[in-house]
Amino acid sequence: MSANASKALQHWGKDMPQWVADLAKRCDTSNQSKVAEEMGYSPAVISDTLKNKYTGDLSRVQQAFNSVKNGIKVSCPVQGDISTATCMNNQRKPYNGANFRTVALFRACRSNCPHSQLGA
C-alpha cells in the first residue's frame, strides 16, 4: 500500500469513504500539491482530508475531487467551459478589482449563475 493510501486508512479506518480512498490513490500516482491545484484547494486541505482532520466543508472537497476525477465541466458565463472545481474555486475568491475578468467573475458568481453555491 502506498504512502497516502496508508495514511488515509490509518486515520479514517474501515469507515473511510471511497472518494477519500480514490483521492489518496490519485495523490500517490501524482502528488498532493498537483491534486490540490487541480481541485482548487491548498495541499494542506488535501493532507487534512486524508488525515480525517479537515474542519471545513468536506462535501465541497468531495465535489471538487469528483469533478476532477470525472472531468465534469460547467459553462461559466465569464470563462466558458471550466471544471466544477475551478467554478467552486472562483466562488470562494474575495473581491479583487485588479482587472475586468476578476470583477466579472466575482459578480457572476454572486448574481444569477446557475452553478453558484453561495446562496445554498
C-alpha atoms as a PDB file:
ATOM      1  CA  MET A   1       0.000   0.000   0.000  1.00  0.00           C
ATOM      2  CA  SER A   2       1.314   3.432  -0.902  1.00  0.00           C
ATOM      3  CA  ALA A   3       2.023   6.323   1.457  1.00  0.00           C
ATOM      4  CA  ASN A   4      -1.142   8.422   1.053  1.00  0.00           C
ATOM      5  CA  ALA A   5      -3.411   5.384   0.955  1.00  0.00           C
ATOM      6  CA  SER A   6      -1.808   4.090   4.170  1.00  0.00           C
ATOM      7  CA  LYS A   7      -2.155   7.491   5.826  1.00  0.00           C
ATOM      8  CA  ALA A   8      -5.827   7.723   4.882  1.00  0.00           C
ATOM      9  CA  LEU A   9      -6.587   4.196   6.080  1.00  0.00           C
ATOM     10  CA  GLN A  10      -4.759   4.837   9.356  1.00  0.00           C
ATOM     11  CA  HIS A  11      -6.780   7.981  10.100  1.00  0.00           C
ATOM     12  CA  TRP A  12     -10.156   7.028   8.648  1.00  0.00           C
ATOM     13  CA  GLY A  13     -10.175   3.333   9.476  1.00  0.00           C
ATOM     14  CA  LYS A  14     -12.690   0.963   7.955  1.00  0.00           C
ATOM     15  CA  ASP A  15     -15.259   3.768   7.622  1.00  0.00           C
ATOM     16  CA  MET A  16     -13.145   5.614   5.031  1.00  0.00           C
ATOM     17  CA  PRO A  17     -15.369   6.820   2.183  1.00  0.00           C
ATOM     18  CA  GLN A  18     -14.493   5.503  -1.268  1.00  0.00           C
ATOM     19  CA  TRP A  19     -13.822   9.001  -2.590  1.00  0.00           C
ATOM     20  CA  VAL A  20     -11.148   9.533   0.099  1.00  0.00           C
ATOM     21  CA  ALA A  21      -9.508   6.243  -0.918  1.00  0.00           C
ATOM     22  CA  ASP A  22      -9.621   7.414  -4.542  1.00  0.00           C
ATOM     23  CA  LEU A  23      -8.164  10.787  -3.542  1.00  0.00           C
ATOM     24  CA  ALA A  24      -5.299   9.044  -1.744  1.00  0.00           C
ATOM     25  CA  LYS A  25      -4.607   6.875  -4.794  1.00  0.00           C
ATOM     26  CA  ARG A  26      -4.570   9.920  -7.052  1.00  0.00           C
ATOM     27  CA  CYS A  27      -2.134  11.652  -4.687  1.00  0.00           C
ATOM     28  CA  ASP A  28       0.083   8.561  -4.778  1.00  0.00           C
ATOM     29  CA  THR A  29       0.156   8.456  -8.572  1.00  0.00           C
ATOM     30  CA  SER A  30       0.768  12.209  -8.780  1.00  0.00           C
ATOM     31  CA  ASN A  31       1.343  14.236  -5.597  1.00  0.00           C
ATOM     32  CA  GLN A  32      -0.740  16.205  -3.113  1.00  0.00           C
ATOM     33  CA  SER A  33       0.293  19.591  -4.489  1.00  0.00           C
ATOM     34  CA  LYS A  34      -0.732  18.774  -8.062  1.00  0.00           C
ATOM     35  CA  VAL A  35      -4.022  17.210  -6.986  1.00  0.00           C
ATOM     36  CA  ALA A  36      -4.746  20.198  -4.737  1.00  0.00           C
ATOM     37  CA  GLU A  37      -4.090  22.599  -7.609  1.00  0.00           C
ATOM     38  CA  GLU A  38      -6.413  20.632  -9.916  1.00  0.00           C
ATOM     39  CA  MET A  39      -9.115  20.772  -7.260  1.00  0.00           C
ATOM     40  CA  GLY A  40      -8.654  24.450  -6.420  1.00  0.00           C
ATOM     41  CA  TYR A  41      -7.567  23.741  -2.843  1.00  0.00           C
ATOM     42  CA  SER A  42      -4.337  24.039  -0.899  1.00  0.00           C
ATOM     43  CA  PRO A  43      -2.127  20.995  -0.286  1.00  0.00           C
ATOM     44  CA  ALA A  44      -2.902  21.426   3.431  1.00  0.00           C
ATOM     45  CA  VAL A  45      -6.610  20.808   2.779  1.00  0.00           C
ATOM     46  CA  ILE A  46      -5.780  17.603   0.916  1.00  0.00           C
ATOM     47  CA  SER A  47      -3.448  16.471   3.700  1.00  0.00           C
ATOM     48  CA  ASP A  48      -6.031  17.246   6.388  1.00  0.00           C
ATOM     49  CA  THR A  49      -8.696  15.422   4.397  1.00  0.00           C
ATOM     50  CA  LEU A  50      -6.540  12.312   4.110  1.00  0.00           C
ATOM     51  CA  LYS A  51      -5.863  12.517   7.867  1.00  0.00           C
ATOM     52  CA  ASN A  52      -9.591  12.973   8.627  1.00  0.00           C
ATOM     53  CA  LYS A  53      -8.804  16.309  10.288  1.00  0.00           C
ATOM     54  CA  TYR A  54     -10.288  18.786   7.819  1.00  0.00           C
ATOM     55  CA  THR A  55     -12.697  21.081   9.667  1.00  0.00           C
ATOM     56  CA  GLY A  56     -14.152  22.783   6.594  1.00  0.00           C
ATOM     57  CA  ASP A  57     -16.967  21.594   4.353  1.00  0.00           C
ATOM     58  CA  LEU A  58     -15.886  18.088   3.396  1.00  0.00           C
ATOM     59  CA  SER A  59     -18.740  17.763   0.903  1.00  0.00           C
ATOM     60  CA  ARG A  60     -17.223  20.589  -1.152  1.00  0.00           C
ATOM     61  CA  VAL A  61     -13.839  18.877  -1.123  1.00  0.00           C
ATOM     62  CA  GLN A  62     -15.563  15.702  -2.277  1.00  0.00           C
ATOM     63  CA  GLN A  63     -17.387  17.593  -5.016  1.00  0.00           C
ATOM     64  CA  ALA A  64     -14.145  19.203  -6.220  1.00  0.00           C
ATOM     65  CA  PHE A  65     -12.385  15.841  -6.262  1.00  0.00           C
ATOM     66  CA  ASN A  66     -15.216  14.142  -8.129  1.00  0.00           C
ATOM     67  CA  SER A  67     -15.211  16.974 -10.645  1.00  0.00           C
ATOM     68  CA  VAL A  68     -11.517  16.496 -11.329  1.00  0.00           C
ATOM     69  CA  LYS A  69     -11.722  12.694 -11.291  1.00  0.00           C
ATOM     70  CA  ASN A  70     -14.670  12.578 -13.670  1.00  0.00           C
ATOM     71  CA  GLY A  71     -13.690  15.552 -15.835  1.00  0.00           C
ATOM     72  CA  ILE A  72     -17.013  17.301 -15.150  1.00  0.00           C
ATOM     73  CA  LYS A  73     -17.368  20.710 -16.805  1.00  0.00           C
ATOM     74  CA  VAL A  74     -19.817  23.583 -16.403  1.00  0.00           C
ATOM     75  CA  SER A  75     -20.471  26.554 -18.643  1.00  0.00           C
ATOM     76  CA  CYS A  76     -19.235  29.681 -16.865  1.00  0.00           C
ATOM     77  CA  PRO A  77     -20.780  32.943 -18.114  1.00  0.00           C
ATOM     78  CA  VAL A  78     -17.325  34.579 -17.921  1.00  0.00           C
ATOM     79  CA  GLN A  79     -14.784  31.833 -18.688  1.00  0.00           C
ATOM     80  CA  GLY A  80     -16.709  29.403 -20.862  1.00  0.00           C
ATOM     81  CA  ASP A  81     -16.336  25.672 -20.173  1.00  0.00           C
ATOM     82  CA  ILE A  82     -14.448  25.087 -16.914  1.00  0.00           C
ATOM     83  CA  SER A  83     -14.215  22.260 -14.399  1.00  0.00           C
ATOM     84  CA  THR A  84     -16.625  22.393 -11.487  1.00  0.00           C
ATOM     85  CA  ALA A  85     -13.552  22.524  -9.230  1.00  0.00           C
ATOM     86  CA  THR A  86     -12.459  25.751 -10.963  1.00  0.00           C
ATOM     87  CA  CYS A  87     -16.020  27.046 -10.679  1.00  0.00           C
ATOM     88  CA  MET A  88     -16.097  26.370  -6.932  1.00  0.00           C
ATOM     89  CA  ASN A  89     -12.653  27.937  -6.532  1.00  0.00           C
ATOM     90  CA  ASN A  90     -13.854  31.080  -8.339  1.00  0.00           C
ATOM     91  CA  GLN A  91     -16.812  31.291  -5.960  1.00  0.00           C
ATOM     92  CA  ARG A  92     -14.526  31.244  -2.902  1.00  0.00           C
ATOM     93  CA  LYS A  93     -12.362  34.141  -4.086  1.00  0.00           C
ATOM     94  CA  PRO A  94     -12.825  37.522  -2.391  1.00  0.00           C
ATOM     95  CA  TYR A  95     -13.405  40.678  -4.401  1.00  0.00           C
ATOM     96  CA  ASN A  96     -10.364  41.739  -6.401  1.00  0.00           C
ATOM     97  CA  GLY A  97     -10.658  44.806  -8.608  1.00  0.00           C
ATOM     98  CA  ALA A  98      -7.302  44.128 -10.304  1.00  0.00           C
ATOM     99  CA  ASN A  99      -8.817  43.551 -13.736  1.00  0.00           C
ATOM    100  CA  PHE A 100     -12.127  43.259 -15.520  1.00  0.00           C
ATOM    101  CA  ARG A 101     -12.114  39.427 -15.526  1.00  0.00           C
ATOM    102  CA  THR A 102     -11.794  39.041 -11.744  1.00  0.00           C
ATOM    103  CA  VAL A 103     -14.531  41.646 -11.245  1.00  0.00           C
ATOM    104  CA  ALA A 104     -16.759  39.917 -13.805  1.00  0.00           C
ATOM    105  CA  LEU A 105     -16.203  36.526 -12.117  1.00  0.00           C
ATOM    106  CA  PHE A 106     -16.956  37.928  -8.676  1.00  0.00           C
ATOM    107  CA  ARG A 107     -20.189  39.486  -9.934  1.00  0.00           C
ATOM    108  CA  ALA A 108     -21.263  36.446 -11.967  1.00  0.00           C
ATOM    109  CA  CYS A 109     -20.717  34.078  -9.058  1.00  0.00           C
ATOM    110  CA  ARG A 110     -22.882  36.278  -6.851  1.00  0.00           C
ATOM    111  CA  SER A 111     -25.662  37.039  -9.298  1.00  0.00           C
ATOM    112  CA  ASN A 112     -27.846  34.516 -11.024  1.00  0.00           C
ATOM    113  CA  CYS A 113     -25.248  31.970 -12.172  1.00  0.00           C
ATOM    114  CA  PRO A 114     -26.952  28.556 -12.074  1.00  0.00           C
ATOM    115  CA  HIS A 115     -23.747  26.934 -10.783  1.00  0.00           C
ATOM    116  CA  SER A 116     -23.274  29.237  -7.792  1.00  0.00           C
ATOM    117  CA  GLN A 117     -23.492  27.574  -4.407  1.00  0.00           C
ATOM    118  CA  LEU A 118     -23.023  30.782  -2.438  1.00  0.00           C
ATOM    119  CA  GLY A 119     -26.682  31.056  -1.552  1.00  0.00           C
ATOM    120  CA  ALA A 120     -27.041  27.327  -0.890  1.00  0.00           C
END
